[in-house]
N, C-alpha and C. Protein backbone atom coordinates (compact mmCIF):
# COMPACT_ATOMS: atom_id res chain seq x y z
N MET A 1 89.30 87.79 12.41
CA MET A 1 88.76 87.38 13.69
C MET A 1 87.84 86.18 13.50
N GLU A 2 88.02 85.18 14.29
CA GLU A 2 87.26 83.94 14.16
C GLU A 2 85.76 84.15 14.31
N HIS A 3 85.36 84.97 15.27
CA HIS A 3 83.92 85.15 15.49
C HIS A 3 83.27 85.83 14.29
N ALA A 4 83.94 86.81 13.72
CA ALA A 4 83.39 87.49 12.54
C ALA A 4 83.17 86.49 11.41
N ALA A 5 84.13 85.61 11.20
CA ALA A 5 83.97 84.58 10.16
C ALA A 5 82.86 83.61 10.53
N ALA A 6 82.76 83.25 11.81
CA ALA A 6 81.74 82.29 12.25
C ALA A 6 80.32 82.81 12.06
N ILE A 7 80.12 84.12 12.13
CA ILE A 7 78.78 84.67 11.94
C ILE A 7 78.53 85.06 10.48
N GLY A 8 79.47 84.71 9.61
CA GLY A 8 79.31 84.98 8.19
C GLY A 8 79.64 86.39 7.78
N ALA A 9 80.46 87.08 8.58
CA ALA A 9 80.85 88.46 8.28
C ALA A 9 82.36 88.62 8.45
N PRO A 10 83.15 87.91 7.63
CA PRO A 10 84.59 87.93 7.83
C PRO A 10 85.23 89.31 7.69
N ASP A 11 84.56 90.23 6.99
CA ASP A 11 85.12 91.57 6.80
C ASP A 11 84.54 92.60 7.78
N ALA A 12 83.74 92.15 8.74
CA ALA A 12 83.14 93.07 9.71
C ALA A 12 84.24 93.70 10.57
N PRO A 13 84.09 94.98 10.89
CA PRO A 13 85.08 95.62 11.76
C PRO A 13 85.10 94.95 13.14
N VAL A 14 86.31 94.79 13.65
CA VAL A 14 86.51 94.28 15.01
C VAL A 14 87.16 95.42 15.79
N ILE A 15 86.52 95.79 16.89
CA ILE A 15 86.98 96.92 17.69
C ILE A 15 87.28 96.38 19.09
N VAL A 16 88.43 96.78 19.65
CA VAL A 16 88.78 96.34 21.00
C VAL A 16 88.97 97.56 21.89
N PHE A 17 88.55 97.40 23.14
CA PHE A 17 88.63 98.49 24.11
C PHE A 17 89.32 97.99 25.37
N PRO A 18 90.30 98.73 25.89
CA PRO A 18 90.89 98.35 27.17
C PRO A 18 89.85 98.45 28.27
N GLN A 19 90.01 97.63 29.27
CA GLN A 19 89.04 97.57 30.36
C GLN A 19 89.70 97.94 31.68
N PRO A 20 88.89 98.28 32.67
CA PRO A 20 89.46 98.67 33.96
C PRO A 20 90.09 97.50 34.71
N LEU A 21 90.96 97.81 35.60
CA LEU A 21 91.58 96.91 36.57
C LEU A 21 92.74 96.08 36.05
N SER A 22 92.88 95.91 34.76
CA SER A 22 93.99 95.11 34.25
C SER A 22 94.28 95.49 32.80
N PRO A 23 95.57 95.64 32.46
CA PRO A 23 95.91 95.92 31.06
C PRO A 23 95.70 94.69 30.17
N PHE A 24 95.36 93.56 30.76
CA PHE A 24 95.17 92.33 29.99
C PHE A 24 93.70 92.04 29.70
N ASN A 25 92.81 92.86 30.23
CA ASN A 25 91.38 92.70 29.99
C ASN A 25 90.95 93.62 28.86
N TRP A 26 90.21 93.05 27.92
CA TRP A 26 89.76 93.80 26.75
C TRP A 26 88.33 93.43 26.42
N LYS A 27 87.58 94.44 25.96
CA LYS A 27 86.24 94.20 25.40
C LYS A 27 86.44 94.10 23.89
N VAL A 28 85.90 93.05 23.29
CA VAL A 28 86.01 92.83 21.85
C VAL A 28 84.61 92.97 21.26
N VAL A 29 84.49 93.81 20.23
CA VAL A 29 83.19 94.02 19.59
C VAL A 29 83.35 93.78 18.09
N VAL A 30 82.49 92.94 17.54
CA VAL A 30 82.39 92.75 16.10
C VAL A 30 81.15 93.51 15.66
N ALA A 31 81.35 94.51 14.81
CA ALA A 31 80.25 95.34 14.31
C ALA A 31 79.78 94.77 12.98
N GLU A 32 78.73 93.95 13.04
CA GLU A 32 78.24 93.23 11.88
C GLU A 32 76.86 93.75 11.51
N GLY A 33 76.78 94.50 10.42
CA GLY A 33 75.49 95.04 9.99
C GLY A 33 74.86 95.89 11.08
N GLU A 34 73.66 95.53 11.49
CA GLU A 34 72.96 96.26 12.54
C GLU A 34 73.09 95.58 13.90
N ASN A 35 74.05 94.69 14.01
CA ASN A 35 74.29 93.99 15.27
C ASN A 35 75.71 94.25 15.76
N TYR A 36 75.84 94.25 17.07
CA TYR A 36 77.16 94.26 17.70
C TYR A 36 77.27 92.95 18.46
N HIS A 37 78.41 92.29 18.32
CA HIS A 37 78.68 91.07 19.06
C HIS A 37 79.81 91.41 20.02
N ARG A 38 79.56 91.20 21.33
CA ARG A 38 80.51 91.61 22.35
C ARG A 38 80.99 90.44 23.18
N ALA A 39 82.29 90.42 23.47
CA ALA A 39 82.87 89.43 24.38
C ALA A 39 83.92 90.12 25.23
N TYR A 40 84.20 89.53 26.39
CA TYR A 40 85.23 90.05 27.28
C TYR A 40 86.40 89.08 27.29
N LEU A 41 87.58 89.59 26.98
CA LEU A 41 88.79 88.78 26.80
C LEU A 41 89.82 89.10 27.88
N ASP A 42 90.40 88.05 28.45
CA ASP A 42 91.56 88.18 29.34
C ASP A 42 92.74 87.54 28.61
N LEU A 43 93.72 88.35 28.26
CA LEU A 43 94.86 87.87 27.48
C LEU A 43 95.73 86.88 28.24
N LEU A 44 95.65 86.86 29.57
CA LEU A 44 96.49 85.96 30.36
C LEU A 44 95.76 84.72 30.87
N ALA A 45 94.45 84.70 30.79
CA ALA A 45 93.69 83.57 31.34
C ALA A 45 94.02 82.29 30.58
N GLY A 46 94.35 81.25 31.33
CA GLY A 46 94.65 79.96 30.69
C GLY A 46 93.44 79.06 30.64
N GLU A 47 92.60 79.16 31.65
CA GLU A 47 91.40 78.32 31.75
C GLU A 47 90.17 79.22 31.84
N PRO A 48 89.04 78.74 31.34
CA PRO A 48 87.81 79.53 31.50
C PRO A 48 87.50 79.76 32.97
N ARG A 49 86.94 80.91 33.25
CA ARG A 49 86.55 81.25 34.62
C ARG A 49 85.08 80.92 34.83
N ALA A 50 84.79 80.41 36.00
CA ALA A 50 83.40 80.14 36.37
C ALA A 50 82.72 81.46 36.68
N PRO A 51 81.42 81.54 36.48
CA PRO A 51 80.70 82.76 36.85
C PRO A 51 80.87 83.04 38.34
N ALA A 52 80.89 84.29 38.69
CA ALA A 52 81.01 84.68 40.10
C ALA A 52 79.74 84.32 40.84
N GLU A 53 79.89 84.05 42.12
CA GLU A 53 78.74 83.78 42.97
C GLU A 53 77.85 85.03 43.01
N GLU A 54 76.58 84.83 43.24
CA GLU A 54 75.63 85.94 43.25
C GLU A 54 76.00 87.02 44.27
N ASP A 55 76.55 86.61 45.40
CA ASP A 55 76.89 87.57 46.45
C ASP A 55 78.35 88.02 46.39
N ALA A 56 79.03 87.70 45.31
CA ALA A 56 80.44 88.09 45.17
C ALA A 56 80.56 89.61 45.05
N GLY A 57 81.70 90.11 45.41
CA GLY A 57 81.95 91.54 45.32
C GLY A 57 82.14 92.00 43.88
N PHE A 58 82.20 93.31 43.72
CA PHE A 58 82.31 93.91 42.40
C PHE A 58 83.51 93.38 41.62
N ILE A 59 84.69 93.33 42.24
CA ILE A 59 85.90 92.92 41.52
C ILE A 59 85.80 91.46 41.09
N ALA A 60 85.29 90.61 41.95
CA ALA A 60 85.15 89.19 41.60
C ALA A 60 84.16 89.02 40.45
N ARG A 61 83.06 89.76 40.47
CA ARG A 61 82.08 89.67 39.38
C ARG A 61 82.67 90.18 38.08
N LEU A 62 83.39 91.29 38.16
CA LEU A 62 84.02 91.86 36.97
C LEU A 62 85.06 90.89 36.40
N ARG A 63 85.91 90.39 37.25
CA ARG A 63 87.00 89.50 36.82
C ARG A 63 86.47 88.23 36.16
N SER A 64 85.38 87.68 36.69
CA SER A 64 84.87 86.42 36.16
C SER A 64 84.33 86.54 34.74
N ALA A 65 84.03 87.73 34.29
CA ALA A 65 83.47 87.91 32.94
C ALA A 65 84.54 87.78 31.85
N TYR A 66 85.79 88.04 32.19
CA TYR A 66 86.86 88.03 31.19
C TYR A 66 87.40 86.61 31.03
N GLN A 67 87.37 86.12 29.80
CA GLN A 67 87.69 84.73 29.50
C GLN A 67 88.88 84.62 28.55
N PRO A 68 89.51 83.44 28.51
CA PRO A 68 90.58 83.22 27.53
C PRO A 68 90.01 83.23 26.11
N SER A 69 90.87 83.43 25.15
CA SER A 69 90.41 83.60 23.76
C SER A 69 89.66 82.38 23.22
N ASP A 70 89.92 81.20 23.75
CA ASP A 70 89.23 80.01 23.24
C ASP A 70 87.92 79.72 23.98
N ALA A 71 87.54 80.61 24.89
CA ALA A 71 86.30 80.39 25.65
C ALA A 71 85.46 81.67 25.75
N LEU A 72 85.57 82.53 24.77
CA LEU A 72 84.83 83.79 24.81
C LEU A 72 83.33 83.54 24.78
N GLU A 73 82.61 84.34 25.55
CA GLU A 73 81.15 84.27 25.59
C GLU A 73 80.62 85.50 24.87
N TRP A 74 80.03 85.28 23.71
CA TRP A 74 79.57 86.37 22.86
C TRP A 74 78.12 86.71 23.18
N LYS A 75 77.84 87.99 23.26
CA LYS A 75 76.47 88.47 23.41
C LYS A 75 76.19 89.42 22.25
N THR A 76 74.99 89.30 21.68
CA THR A 76 74.61 90.15 20.55
C THR A 76 73.69 91.26 21.02
N TYR A 77 73.97 92.46 20.55
CA TYR A 77 73.15 93.64 20.80
C TYR A 77 72.65 94.12 19.46
N ARG A 78 71.34 94.28 19.34
CA ARG A 78 70.76 94.84 18.10
C ARG A 78 70.80 96.36 18.21
N ARG A 79 71.27 97.01 17.16
CA ARG A 79 71.29 98.48 17.19
C ARG A 79 69.88 99.04 17.26
N TRP A 80 68.98 98.44 16.52
CA TRP A 80 67.59 98.90 16.42
C TRP A 80 66.66 97.79 16.82
N PRO A 81 65.47 98.12 17.32
CA PRO A 81 64.48 97.07 17.64
C PRO A 81 64.09 96.29 16.39
N GLY A 82 63.75 95.03 16.57
CA GLY A 82 63.32 94.21 15.45
C GLY A 82 61.91 94.53 14.99
N ASP A 83 61.06 94.95 15.90
CA ASP A 83 59.68 95.31 15.60
C ASP A 83 59.66 96.58 14.74
N ALA A 84 58.97 96.55 13.60
CA ALA A 84 58.97 97.67 12.66
C ALA A 84 58.45 98.97 13.28
N GLU A 85 57.38 98.90 14.05
CA GLU A 85 56.81 100.10 14.66
C GLU A 85 57.78 100.71 15.68
N LEU A 86 58.39 99.87 16.52
CA LEU A 86 59.36 100.36 17.50
C LEU A 86 60.61 100.90 16.82
N ARG A 87 61.02 100.26 15.75
CA ARG A 87 62.18 100.73 15.01
C ARG A 87 61.91 102.12 14.44
N GLU A 88 60.71 102.34 13.91
CA GLU A 88 60.35 103.64 13.36
C GLU A 88 60.40 104.72 14.44
N ILE A 89 59.86 104.41 15.62
CA ILE A 89 59.90 105.37 16.73
C ILE A 89 61.35 105.67 17.10
N ALA A 90 62.16 104.61 17.23
CA ALA A 90 63.56 104.79 17.64
C ALA A 90 64.36 105.60 16.61
N THR A 91 64.19 105.31 15.34
CA THR A 91 64.96 106.04 14.33
C THR A 91 64.49 107.49 14.23
N GLU A 92 63.20 107.72 14.44
CA GLU A 92 62.72 109.10 14.44
C GLU A 92 63.34 109.88 15.61
N GLY A 93 63.38 109.26 16.79
CA GLY A 93 64.00 109.91 17.94
C GLY A 93 65.48 110.14 17.71
N TRP A 94 66.17 109.16 17.16
CA TRP A 94 67.61 109.24 16.87
C TRP A 94 67.93 110.43 15.96
N GLN A 95 67.06 110.71 15.03
CA GLN A 95 67.31 111.77 14.04
C GLN A 95 66.96 113.17 14.53
N GLN A 96 66.40 113.31 15.71
CA GLN A 96 65.99 114.62 16.20
C GLN A 96 67.20 115.54 16.42
N PRO A 97 67.07 116.82 16.06
CA PRO A 97 68.17 117.76 16.28
C PRO A 97 68.64 117.81 17.74
N ALA A 98 67.72 117.66 18.68
CA ALA A 98 68.09 117.70 20.09
C ALA A 98 69.01 116.54 20.48
N PHE A 99 69.07 115.50 19.66
CA PHE A 99 69.88 114.32 19.96
C PHE A 99 71.23 114.35 19.23
N ALA A 100 71.53 115.45 18.56
CA ALA A 100 72.76 115.55 17.76
C ALA A 100 74.02 115.30 18.60
N GLY A 101 74.05 115.81 19.82
CA GLY A 101 75.22 115.62 20.67
C GLY A 101 75.52 114.17 20.93
N PHE A 102 74.50 113.38 21.23
CA PHE A 102 74.72 111.96 21.46
C PHE A 102 75.11 111.25 20.17
N ARG A 103 74.50 111.61 19.05
CA ARG A 103 74.86 110.99 17.77
C ARG A 103 76.34 111.20 17.47
N GLU A 104 76.86 112.39 17.77
CA GLU A 104 78.27 112.68 17.52
C GLU A 104 79.18 111.94 18.50
N PHE A 105 78.72 111.78 19.73
CA PHE A 105 79.50 111.16 20.80
C PHE A 105 79.57 109.64 20.67
N ALA A 106 78.48 109.01 20.34
CA ALA A 106 78.36 107.55 20.39
C ALA A 106 79.12 106.88 19.25
N LEU A 107 79.87 105.85 19.62
CA LEU A 107 80.58 105.05 18.62
C LEU A 107 79.81 103.76 18.31
N LEU A 108 79.25 103.14 19.35
CA LEU A 108 78.52 101.88 19.19
C LEU A 108 77.14 102.01 19.84
N PRO A 109 76.29 102.90 19.28
CA PRO A 109 74.99 103.13 19.91
C PRO A 109 74.00 102.01 19.62
N TYR A 110 73.15 101.76 20.61
CA TYR A 110 72.05 100.82 20.39
C TYR A 110 70.88 101.23 21.28
N VAL A 111 69.69 100.82 20.88
CA VAL A 111 68.48 101.10 21.66
C VAL A 111 68.47 100.10 22.81
N SER A 112 68.54 100.62 24.03
CA SER A 112 68.54 99.73 25.19
C SER A 112 67.13 99.46 25.70
N ARG A 113 66.20 100.37 25.46
CA ARG A 113 64.79 100.14 25.82
C ARG A 113 63.91 101.22 25.22
N ILE A 114 62.63 100.90 25.13
CA ILE A 114 61.61 101.84 24.65
C ILE A 114 60.39 101.66 25.54
N ARG A 115 59.80 102.77 25.92
CA ARG A 115 58.56 102.73 26.70
C ARG A 115 57.54 103.65 26.01
N GLY A 116 56.30 103.26 26.04
CA GLY A 116 55.25 104.10 25.49
C GLY A 116 54.60 103.50 24.27
N ASP A 117 53.99 104.39 23.46
CA ASP A 117 53.29 103.97 22.26
C ASP A 117 53.58 104.96 21.15
N THR A 118 52.82 104.88 20.07
CA THR A 118 53.10 105.74 18.92
C THR A 118 52.86 107.22 19.19
N HIS A 119 52.10 107.56 20.24
CA HIS A 119 51.82 108.96 20.54
C HIS A 119 52.77 109.54 21.58
N ARG A 120 53.07 108.76 22.59
CA ARG A 120 53.99 109.16 23.66
C ARG A 120 54.98 108.02 23.83
N ALA A 121 56.25 108.31 23.65
CA ALA A 121 57.26 107.26 23.77
C ALA A 121 58.58 107.85 24.21
N CYS A 122 59.35 107.07 24.95
CA CYS A 122 60.72 107.41 25.29
C CYS A 122 61.61 106.30 24.77
N VAL A 123 62.73 106.69 24.16
CA VAL A 123 63.69 105.75 23.61
C VAL A 123 65.02 105.99 24.30
N TRP A 124 65.58 104.94 24.90
CA TRP A 124 66.88 105.04 25.57
C TRP A 124 67.95 104.46 24.67
N PHE A 125 69.05 105.17 24.56
CA PHE A 125 70.21 104.73 23.79
C PHE A 125 71.41 104.59 24.73
N THR A 126 72.20 103.58 24.48
CA THR A 126 73.42 103.33 25.23
C THR A 126 74.55 103.18 24.23
N ASP A 127 75.76 103.52 24.65
CA ASP A 127 76.96 103.30 23.82
C ASP A 127 77.67 102.07 24.39
N LEU A 128 77.75 101.02 23.60
CA LEU A 128 78.29 99.74 24.05
C LEU A 128 79.73 99.85 24.56
N ARG A 129 80.49 100.81 24.08
CA ARG A 129 81.89 100.87 24.51
C ARG A 129 82.04 101.16 26.00
N PHE A 130 81.02 101.73 26.64
CA PHE A 130 81.15 102.10 28.06
C PHE A 130 80.50 101.09 29.01
N THR A 131 79.92 100.04 28.51
CA THR A 131 79.28 99.07 29.39
C THR A 131 80.34 98.17 30.02
N LEU A 132 80.05 97.71 31.23
CA LEU A 132 80.92 96.79 31.96
C LEU A 132 80.09 95.59 32.41
N PRO A 133 80.72 94.43 32.55
CA PRO A 133 79.97 93.25 32.97
C PRO A 133 79.31 93.43 34.33
N GLY A 134 78.04 93.08 34.39
CA GLY A 134 77.32 93.10 35.65
C GLY A 134 77.02 94.48 36.21
N MET A 135 77.19 95.51 35.42
CA MET A 135 76.96 96.88 35.88
C MET A 135 75.92 97.55 34.98
N PRO A 136 75.11 98.44 35.54
CA PRO A 136 74.21 99.20 34.67
C PRO A 136 75.03 100.13 33.77
N ALA A 137 74.51 100.42 32.62
CA ALA A 137 75.22 101.30 31.68
C ALA A 137 75.41 102.68 32.30
N PRO A 138 76.65 103.19 32.30
CA PRO A 138 76.89 104.49 32.93
C PRO A 138 76.39 105.67 32.09
N PHE A 139 76.29 105.48 30.80
CA PHE A 139 75.82 106.54 29.91
C PHE A 139 74.62 106.02 29.14
N GLU A 140 73.45 106.46 29.55
CA GLU A 140 72.22 106.08 28.88
C GLU A 140 71.43 107.36 28.66
N TYR A 141 71.09 107.62 27.41
CA TYR A 141 70.41 108.86 27.08
C TYR A 141 69.06 108.56 26.46
N ALA A 142 68.07 109.36 26.83
CA ALA A 142 66.71 109.14 26.33
C ALA A 142 66.19 110.38 25.64
N ILE A 143 65.38 110.13 24.64
CA ILE A 143 64.64 111.19 23.97
C ILE A 143 63.19 110.74 23.94
N CYS A 144 62.30 111.67 24.26
CA CYS A 144 60.88 111.32 24.42
C CYS A 144 60.01 112.10 23.45
N ARG A 145 59.03 111.41 22.91
CA ARG A 145 58.03 112.05 22.04
C ARG A 145 56.78 112.30 22.86
N GLU A 146 56.41 113.56 22.90
CA GLU A 146 55.19 114.01 23.58
C GLU A 146 54.30 114.63 22.50
N PRO A 147 53.06 114.97 22.82
CA PRO A 147 52.21 115.60 21.81
C PRO A 147 52.81 116.87 21.20
N GLY A 148 53.65 117.59 21.94
CA GLY A 148 54.25 118.81 21.42
C GLY A 148 55.54 118.61 20.65
N GLY A 149 56.04 117.38 20.57
CA GLY A 149 57.28 117.11 19.85
C GLY A 149 58.26 116.29 20.69
N TRP A 150 59.48 116.22 20.22
CA TRP A 150 60.53 115.43 20.87
C TRP A 150 61.34 116.29 21.82
N THR A 151 61.68 115.74 22.99
CA THR A 151 62.54 116.43 23.95
C THR A 151 63.50 115.44 24.58
N LEU A 152 64.65 115.94 25.00
CA LEU A 152 65.58 115.10 25.74
C LEU A 152 64.99 114.79 27.10
N ALA A 153 65.17 113.58 27.57
CA ALA A 153 64.65 113.21 28.89
C ALA A 153 65.54 113.82 29.96
N ALA A 154 64.92 114.26 31.03
CA ALA A 154 65.66 114.88 32.12
C ALA A 154 66.48 113.85 32.89
N ASN A 155 66.06 112.60 32.89
CA ASN A 155 66.81 111.56 33.61
C ASN A 155 66.54 110.21 32.96
N ALA A 156 67.27 109.20 33.43
CA ALA A 156 67.16 107.87 32.84
C ALA A 156 65.85 107.18 33.15
N ASP A 157 65.05 107.74 34.05
CA ASP A 157 63.79 107.11 34.42
C ASP A 157 62.59 107.75 33.71
N ALA A 158 62.82 108.40 32.60
CA ALA A 158 61.75 109.10 31.89
C ALA A 158 60.60 108.15 31.57
N SER A 159 59.41 108.62 31.78
CA SER A 159 58.16 107.91 31.44
C SER A 159 58.04 106.53 32.07
N GLU A 160 58.67 106.32 33.20
CA GLU A 160 58.51 105.01 33.86
C GLU A 160 57.51 105.13 34.96
């Protein structure tokens, strides 16, 4: 894959996922170290598509994200926060027994956000394979550290 070679990881796994609305739309992910590089590919597109207008409908916004192979727009997702303290909180939450179900389920997990401090914190994880352009992540799971220990968050708005 050209992008894997371009980022200096020619042997990085490249994973593709079919997308909704067309058998020609695919999500392409290069799993390089602790980063995921994601692009949306339309196998039939001949010319790059312009971004959808802000007030465009869902289908128009979705369609505009998928590009021909020579015009892919890559976005990088870090699996873990770059900040050492936040990374420590996130990895501690990730390793909790209560989070085992998500660890088994997730193929391309990454920390989507963290709120709190070293004493009280919530860490949200998302699986990149289920994200769609211009849409909030449909599967986002949080685990929160309270003075009594770690617990799964009851909803996506934990500690906000």
